[in-house]
Amino acid sequence: MGIHNDINVTTLLDRPLWQLTGREFCALTQYANKEIMSNTNMSGRKHCQGVAALAKELGCSQSKIYEMKREGVLDESIVSRIGKPICFNVELARSLASEYSKKKNKD
């Protein structure tokens, strides 16, 4: 858990958030993020973290990803919003982007 090795996260799970120190909250957030990533990766789905990584996976620009995100096209493909970077389901994002592109080309 990085710098938070001395914190027992399981004891923090039952405490109210307002009672946590900043350090304890960071440890709990890191723990939750690792749990989500490990649970979602077990299902065999490919995930990426951040807009830049998704743009690379889909072979398009970051501005196109931001456009689709702003319009709500990628909402279903978002796996986690814990912390600053967003975690995307790549295959679902690819199919949603494809549908969006087809729809936009028709207009």
Protein backbone atom coordinates (compact mmCIF):
# COMPACT_ATOMS: atom_id res chain seq x y z
CA MET A 1 0.00 0.00 0.00
CA GLY A 2 2.85 2.36 -0.55
CA ILE A 3 3.52 4.82 2.27
CA HIS A 4 0.50 3.60 4.22
CA ASN A 5 1.85 0.17 5.24
CA ASP A 6 1.46 0.88 8.96
CA ILE A 7 -2.29 1.59 8.68
CA ASN A 8 -4.71 -1.31 9.17
CA VAL A 9 -7.31 -0.53 6.50
CA THR A 10 -9.86 -3.08 7.73
CA THR A 11 -10.27 -1.15 10.99
CA LEU A 12 -10.98 2.02 9.01
CA LEU A 13 -13.87 0.49 7.08
CA ASP A 14 -16.28 0.80 10.02
CA ARG A 15 -15.26 4.32 11.04
CA PRO A 16 -17.17 7.40 9.83
CA LEU A 17 -15.28 9.42 7.22
CA TRP A 18 -15.27 12.54 9.36
CA GLN A 19 -13.18 10.70 11.95
CA LEU A 20 -10.40 9.77 9.53
CA THR A 21 -7.16 11.65 9.24
CA GLY A 22 -5.98 12.65 5.79
CA ARG A 23 -3.42 9.86 5.84
CA GLU A 24 -6.05 7.27 6.81
CA PHE A 25 -8.41 8.53 4.11
CA CYS A 26 -5.65 8.24 1.48
CA ALA A 27 -4.88 4.69 2.61
CA LEU A 28 -8.57 3.77 2.43
CA THR A 29 -8.88 5.31 -1.05
CA GLN A 30 -5.84 3.41 -2.30
CA TYR A 31 -7.24 0.19 -0.84
CA ALA A 32 -10.63 0.75 -2.50
CA ASN A 33 -9.00 1.51 -5.85
CA LYS A 34 -6.91 -1.68 -5.69
CA GLU A 35 -9.99 -3.73 -4.77
CA ILE A 36 -12.01 -2.36 -7.67
CA MET A 37 -9.17 -2.90 -10.14
CA SER A 38 -8.51 -6.47 -8.97
CA ASN A 39 -12.21 -7.39 -9.04
CA THR A 40 -12.79 -5.96 -12.50
CA ASN A 41 -9.61 -7.45 -13.98
CA MET A 42 -10.59 -10.94 -12.78
CA SER A 43 -13.48 -10.95 -15.19
CA GLY A 44 -11.06 -10.96 -18.14
CA ARG A 45 -12.01 -7.50 -19.35
CA LYS A 46 -9.34 -5.06 -20.43
CA HIS A 47 -9.21 -1.76 -18.58
CA CYS A 48 -7.16 1.38 -18.94
CA GLN A 49 -6.66 4.30 -16.63
CA GLY A 50 -7.05 7.84 -17.91
CA VAL A 51 -8.11 9.61 -21.07
CA ALA A 52 -4.65 9.42 -22.65
CA ALA A 53 -4.53 5.63 -22.25
CA LEU A 54 -8.03 5.23 -23.70
CA ALA A 55 -7.16 7.47 -26.66
CA LYS A 56 -4.11 5.28 -27.34
CA GLU A 57 -6.19 2.09 -27.07
CA LEU A 58 -8.87 3.40 -29.44
CA GLY A 59 -6.40 5.05 -31.82
CA CYS A 60 -7.88 8.52 -31.62
CA SER A 61 -7.04 11.88 -30.08
CA GLN A 62 -7.53 12.82 -26.46
CA SER A 63 -9.77 15.68 -27.57
CA LYS A 64 -12.11 13.16 -29.23
CA ILE A 65 -12.25 11.15 -25.98
CA TYR A 66 -13.02 14.33 -24.02
CA GLU A 67 -15.75 15.19 -26.53
CA MET A 68 -17.38 11.76 -26.19
CA LYS A 69 -17.02 11.89 -22.40
CA ARG A 70 -18.60 15.36 -22.27
CA GLU A 71 -21.54 14.16 -24.40
CA GLY A 72 -22.06 11.15 -22.12
CA VAL A 73 -21.15 8.58 -24.77
CA LEU A 74 -18.55 6.86 -22.58
CA ASP A 75 -20.52 6.91 -19.30
CA GLU A 76 -21.34 3.19 -19.42
CA SER A 77 -17.68 2.28 -19.96
CA ILE A 78 -16.45 4.04 -16.82
CA VAL A 79 -15.49 1.42 -14.27
CA SER A 80 -14.11 3.64 -11.52
CA ARG A 81 -13.88 7.31 -10.65
CA ILE A 82 -11.86 6.91 -7.46
CA GLY A 83 -9.16 9.52 -7.47
CA LYS A 84 -8.24 11.75 -10.37
CA PRO A 85 -7.78 9.26 -13.25
CA ILE A 86 -10.88 7.53 -14.58
CA CYS A 87 -10.74 3.80 -15.30
CA PHE A 88 -12.43 2.70 -18.54
CA ASN A 89 -13.57 -0.70 -19.84
CA VAL A 90 -11.74 -0.61 -23.19
CA GLU A 91 -13.96 -3.00 -25.15
CA LEU A 92 -17.17 -1.29 -24.06
CA ALA A 93 -15.67 2.13 -24.78
CA ARG A 94 -14.65 0.89 -28.23
CA SER A 95 -18.17 -0.29 -29.08
CA LEU A 96 -19.75 2.91 -27.70
CA ALA A 97 -17.32 5.05 -29.67
CA SER A 98 -18.05 3.04 -32.80
CA GLU A 99 -21.79 3.55 -32.40
CA TYR A 100 -21.21 7.26 -31.75
CA SER A 101 -19.07 7.56 -34.88
CA LYS A 102 -21.64 5.79 -37.05
CA LYS A 103 -24.43 7.97 -35.70
CA LYS A 104 -22.40 11.14 -36.21
CA ASN A 105 -21.52 10.18 -39.81
CA LYS A 106 -25.22 9.69 -40.63
CA ASP A 107 -26.03 13.24 -39.49
